[in-house]
Amino acid sequence: MSTSPPLVPRDGRSPGWRLGMLVGGAVLGGIGYAILRWPQIIVWAVAGAFFAVGAVLVLSAAFARGRRSS
């Protein structure tokens, strides 16, 4: 009984790597297309990022505990 080695593409890249590159390329290409079709999306993305960071800071300050005595 002979066991053959697993099939590996010639350049050594796994199917998972290839799928990841395909999905990543499709996502980046889609983002690029969305920016070309609707440039204001950049403004919304930057504003959303600032809003999210600000919300985290406010919530962190609101729920922070005082100094603990040692």
N, C-alpha and C. Protein backbone atom coordinates (compact mmCIF):
# COMPACT_ATOMS: atom_id res chain seq x y z
N MET A 1 0.84 -1.17 0.00
CA MET A 1 0.00 0.00 0.00
C MET A 1 0.89 1.24 0.00
N SER A 2 0.78 2.01 -1.05
CA SER A 2 1.61 3.21 -1.13
C SER A 2 0.74 4.43 -0.87
N THR A 3 1.33 5.34 -0.16
CA THR A 3 0.63 6.60 0.11
C THR A 3 1.31 7.69 -0.69
N SER A 4 0.53 8.40 -1.44
CA SER A 4 1.10 9.48 -2.23
C SER A 4 1.10 10.76 -1.40
N PRO A 5 2.10 11.60 -1.62
CA PRO A 5 2.15 12.86 -0.85
C PRO A 5 0.98 13.76 -1.22
N PRO A 6 0.58 14.63 -0.30
CA PRO A 6 -0.54 15.53 -0.61
C PRO A 6 -0.20 16.44 -1.79
N LEU A 7 -1.22 16.75 -2.55
CA LEU A 7 -1.01 17.60 -3.72
C LEU A 7 -0.77 19.05 -3.27
N VAL A 8 0.37 19.58 -3.66
CA VAL A 8 0.74 20.95 -3.34
C VAL A 8 1.00 21.66 -4.65
N PRO A 9 0.46 22.85 -4.83
CA PRO A 9 0.75 23.58 -6.07
C PRO A 9 2.26 23.77 -6.25
N ARG A 10 2.68 23.94 -7.48
CA ARG A 10 4.10 24.04 -7.80
C ARG A 10 4.84 25.12 -7.02
N ASP A 11 4.18 26.26 -6.81
CA ASP A 11 4.88 27.34 -6.13
C ASP A 11 4.76 27.22 -4.61
N GLY A 12 4.11 26.20 -4.10
CA GLY A 12 4.03 25.96 -2.67
C GLY A 12 2.92 26.71 -1.96
N ARG A 13 2.08 27.42 -2.66
CA ARG A 13 0.99 28.15 -2.02
C ARG A 13 -0.20 27.22 -1.81
N SER A 14 -0.77 27.28 -0.61
CA SER A 14 -1.90 26.40 -0.29
C SER A 14 -3.20 26.99 -0.86
N PRO A 15 -4.21 26.14 -1.02
CA PRO A 15 -5.51 26.64 -1.49
C PRO A 15 -6.09 27.70 -0.55
N GLY A 16 -5.85 27.56 0.75
CA GLY A 16 -6.33 28.56 1.71
C GLY A 16 -5.69 29.92 1.47
N TRP A 17 -4.40 29.90 1.17
CA TRP A 17 -3.69 31.15 0.89
C TRP A 17 -4.26 31.79 -0.37
N ARG A 18 -4.48 30.96 -1.39
CA ARG A 18 -5.02 31.49 -2.64
C ARG A 18 -6.42 32.06 -2.44
N LEU A 19 -7.25 31.37 -1.66
CA LEU A 19 -8.59 31.86 -1.38
C LEU A 19 -8.53 33.17 -0.60
N GLY A 20 -7.63 33.26 0.37
CA GLY A 20 -7.47 34.49 1.13
C GLY A 20 -7.06 35.66 0.25
N MET A 21 -6.13 35.40 -0.66
CA MET A 21 -5.71 36.46 -1.59
C MET A 21 -6.86 36.87 -2.51
N LEU A 22 -7.63 35.90 -2.97
CA LEU A 22 -8.77 36.20 -3.84
C LEU A 22 -9.80 37.04 -3.10
N VAL A 23 -10.14 36.66 -1.88
CA VAL A 23 -11.13 37.41 -1.10
C VAL A 23 -10.59 38.80 -0.77
N GLY A 24 -9.33 38.87 -0.34
CA GLY A 24 -8.73 40.17 -0.02
C GLY A 24 -8.70 41.09 -1.22
N GLY A 25 -8.33 40.57 -2.37
CA GLY A 25 -8.32 41.37 -3.59
C GLY A 25 -9.71 41.85 -3.98
N ALA A 26 -10.69 40.97 -3.82
CA ALA A 26 -12.06 41.35 -4.14
C ALA A 26 -12.57 42.44 -3.20
N VAL A 27 -12.24 42.33 -1.91
CA VAL A 27 -12.67 43.34 -0.94
C VAL A 27 -12.01 44.68 -1.26
N LEU A 28 -10.70 44.69 -1.47
CA LEU A 28 -10.01 45.94 -1.77
C LEU A 28 -10.48 46.54 -3.09
N GLY A 29 -10.70 45.70 -4.07
CA GLY A 29 -11.22 46.19 -5.34
C GLY A 29 -12.62 46.78 -5.19
N GLY A 30 -13.45 46.15 -4.38
CA GLY A 30 -14.79 46.66 -4.12
C GLY A 30 -14.76 48.00 -3.40
N ILE A 31 -13.84 48.14 -2.45
CA ILE A 31 -13.69 49.42 -1.75
C ILE A 31 -13.25 50.50 -2.73
N GLY A 32 -12.29 50.18 -3.58
CA GLY A 32 -11.83 51.13 -4.58
C GLY A 32 -12.95 51.54 -5.54
N TYR A 33 -13.75 50.59 -5.95
CA TYR A 33 -14.87 50.90 -6.84
C TYR A 33 -15.90 51.79 -6.13
N ALA A 34 -16.17 51.47 -4.84
CA ALA A 34 -17.14 52.27 -4.09
C ALA A 34 -16.65 53.71 -3.94
N ILE A 35 -15.34 53.89 -3.72
CA ILE A 35 -14.80 55.24 -3.58
C ILE A 35 -14.89 55.99 -4.91
N LEU A 36 -14.64 55.31 -6.01
CA LEU A 36 -14.78 55.96 -7.32
C LEU A 36 -16.22 56.36 -7.61
N ARG A 37 -17.16 55.50 -7.24
CA ARG A 37 -18.56 55.79 -7.53
C ARG A 37 -19.16 56.80 -6.56
N TRP A 38 -18.68 56.81 -5.31
CA TRP A 38 -19.27 57.67 -4.29
C TRP A 38 -18.17 58.17 -3.37
N PRO A 39 -17.44 59.23 -3.76
CA PRO A 39 -16.28 59.70 -2.99
C PRO A 39 -16.61 60.11 -1.55
N GLN A 40 -17.86 60.48 -1.29
CA GLN A 40 -18.20 60.91 0.06
C GLN A 40 -18.09 59.77 1.08
N ILE A 41 -17.95 58.54 0.60
CA ILE A 41 -17.81 57.41 1.52
C ILE A 41 -16.54 57.55 2.37
N ILE A 42 -15.53 58.24 1.83
CA ILE A 42 -14.31 58.47 2.60
C ILE A 42 -14.61 59.35 3.81
N VAL A 43 -15.40 60.38 3.59
CA VAL A 43 -15.78 61.28 4.69
C VAL A 43 -16.54 60.50 5.76
N TRP A 44 -17.47 59.67 5.34
CA TRP A 44 -18.24 58.88 6.30
C TRP A 44 -17.36 57.89 7.05
N ALA A 45 -16.40 57.28 6.37
CA ALA A 45 -15.52 56.32 7.02
C ALA A 45 -14.63 56.99 8.06
N VAL A 46 -14.05 58.15 7.71
CA VAL A 46 -13.19 58.86 8.66
C VAL A 46 -14.02 59.37 9.83
N ALA A 47 -15.18 59.92 9.56
CA ALA A 47 -16.04 60.41 10.64
C ALA A 47 -16.47 59.26 11.54
N GLY A 48 -16.78 58.12 10.95
CA GLY A 48 -17.17 56.95 11.74
C GLY A 48 -16.05 56.45 12.63
N ALA A 49 -14.83 56.49 12.13
CA ALA A 49 -13.68 56.07 12.93
C ALA A 49 -13.48 57.01 14.12
N PHE A 50 -13.56 58.31 13.88
CA PHE A 50 -13.44 59.27 14.98
C PHE A 50 -14.57 59.09 15.99
N PHE A 51 -15.78 58.87 15.50
CA PHE A 51 -16.91 58.67 16.39
C PHE A 51 -16.71 57.43 17.25
N ALA A 52 -16.25 56.34 16.65
CA ALA A 52 -16.04 55.10 17.40
C ALA A 52 -14.97 55.27 18.47
N VAL A 53 -13.86 55.91 18.12
CA VAL A 53 -12.79 56.12 19.11
C VAL A 53 -13.29 57.04 20.22
N GLY A 54 -14.01 58.10 19.86
CA GLY A 54 -14.56 58.99 20.87
C GLY A 54 -15.53 58.29 21.80
N ALA A 55 -16.38 57.44 21.24
CA ALA A 55 -17.34 56.69 22.06
C ALA A 55 -16.63 55.76 23.03
N VAL A 56 -15.58 55.10 22.57
CA VAL A 56 -14.81 54.22 23.46
C VAL A 56 -14.18 55.02 24.59
N LEU A 57 -13.63 56.20 24.28
CA LEU A 57 -13.03 57.03 25.32
C LEU A 57 -14.06 57.50 26.33
N VAL A 58 -15.23 57.93 25.87
CA VAL A 58 -16.28 58.39 26.78
C VAL A 58 -16.76 57.24 27.65
N LEU A 59 -17.01 56.08 27.06
CA LEU A 59 -17.46 54.93 27.85
C LEU A 59 -16.39 54.49 28.84
N SER A 60 -15.14 54.53 28.42
CA SER A 60 -14.05 54.17 29.32
C SER A 60 -14.00 55.12 30.51
N ALA A 61 -14.16 56.41 30.26
CA ALA A 61 -14.14 57.37 31.35
C ALA A 61 -15.37 57.20 32.25
N ALA A 62 -16.51 56.91 31.66
CA ALA A 62 -17.75 56.78 32.44
C ALA A 62 -17.71 55.55 33.36
N PHE A 63 -17.10 54.47 32.90
CA PHE A 63 -17.10 53.24 33.67
C PHE A 63 -15.78 52.97 34.39
N ALA A 64 -14.89 53.94 34.41
CA ALA A 64 -13.60 53.75 35.08
C ALA A 64 -13.81 53.75 36.59
N ARG A 65 -13.00 52.96 37.26
CA ARG A 65 -13.04 52.92 38.72
C ARG A 65 -11.97 53.86 39.25
N GLY A 66 -12.17 54.30 40.46
CA GLY A 66 -11.18 55.15 41.11
C GLY A 66 -9.96 54.34 41.51
N ARG A 67 -9.01 55.00 42.12
CA ARG A 67 -7.80 54.31 42.57
C ARG A 67 -8.16 53.30 43.65
N ARG A 68 -7.49 52.19 43.59
CA ARG A 68 -7.72 51.15 44.59
C ARG A 68 -6.68 51.31 45.68
N SER A 69 -7.12 51.13 46.89
CA SER A 69 -6.16 51.23 48.00
C SER A 69 -5.40 49.91 48.11
N SER A 70 -4.09 50.02 48.34
CA SER A 70 -3.29 48.79 48.37
C SER A 70 -3.06 48.27 49.75
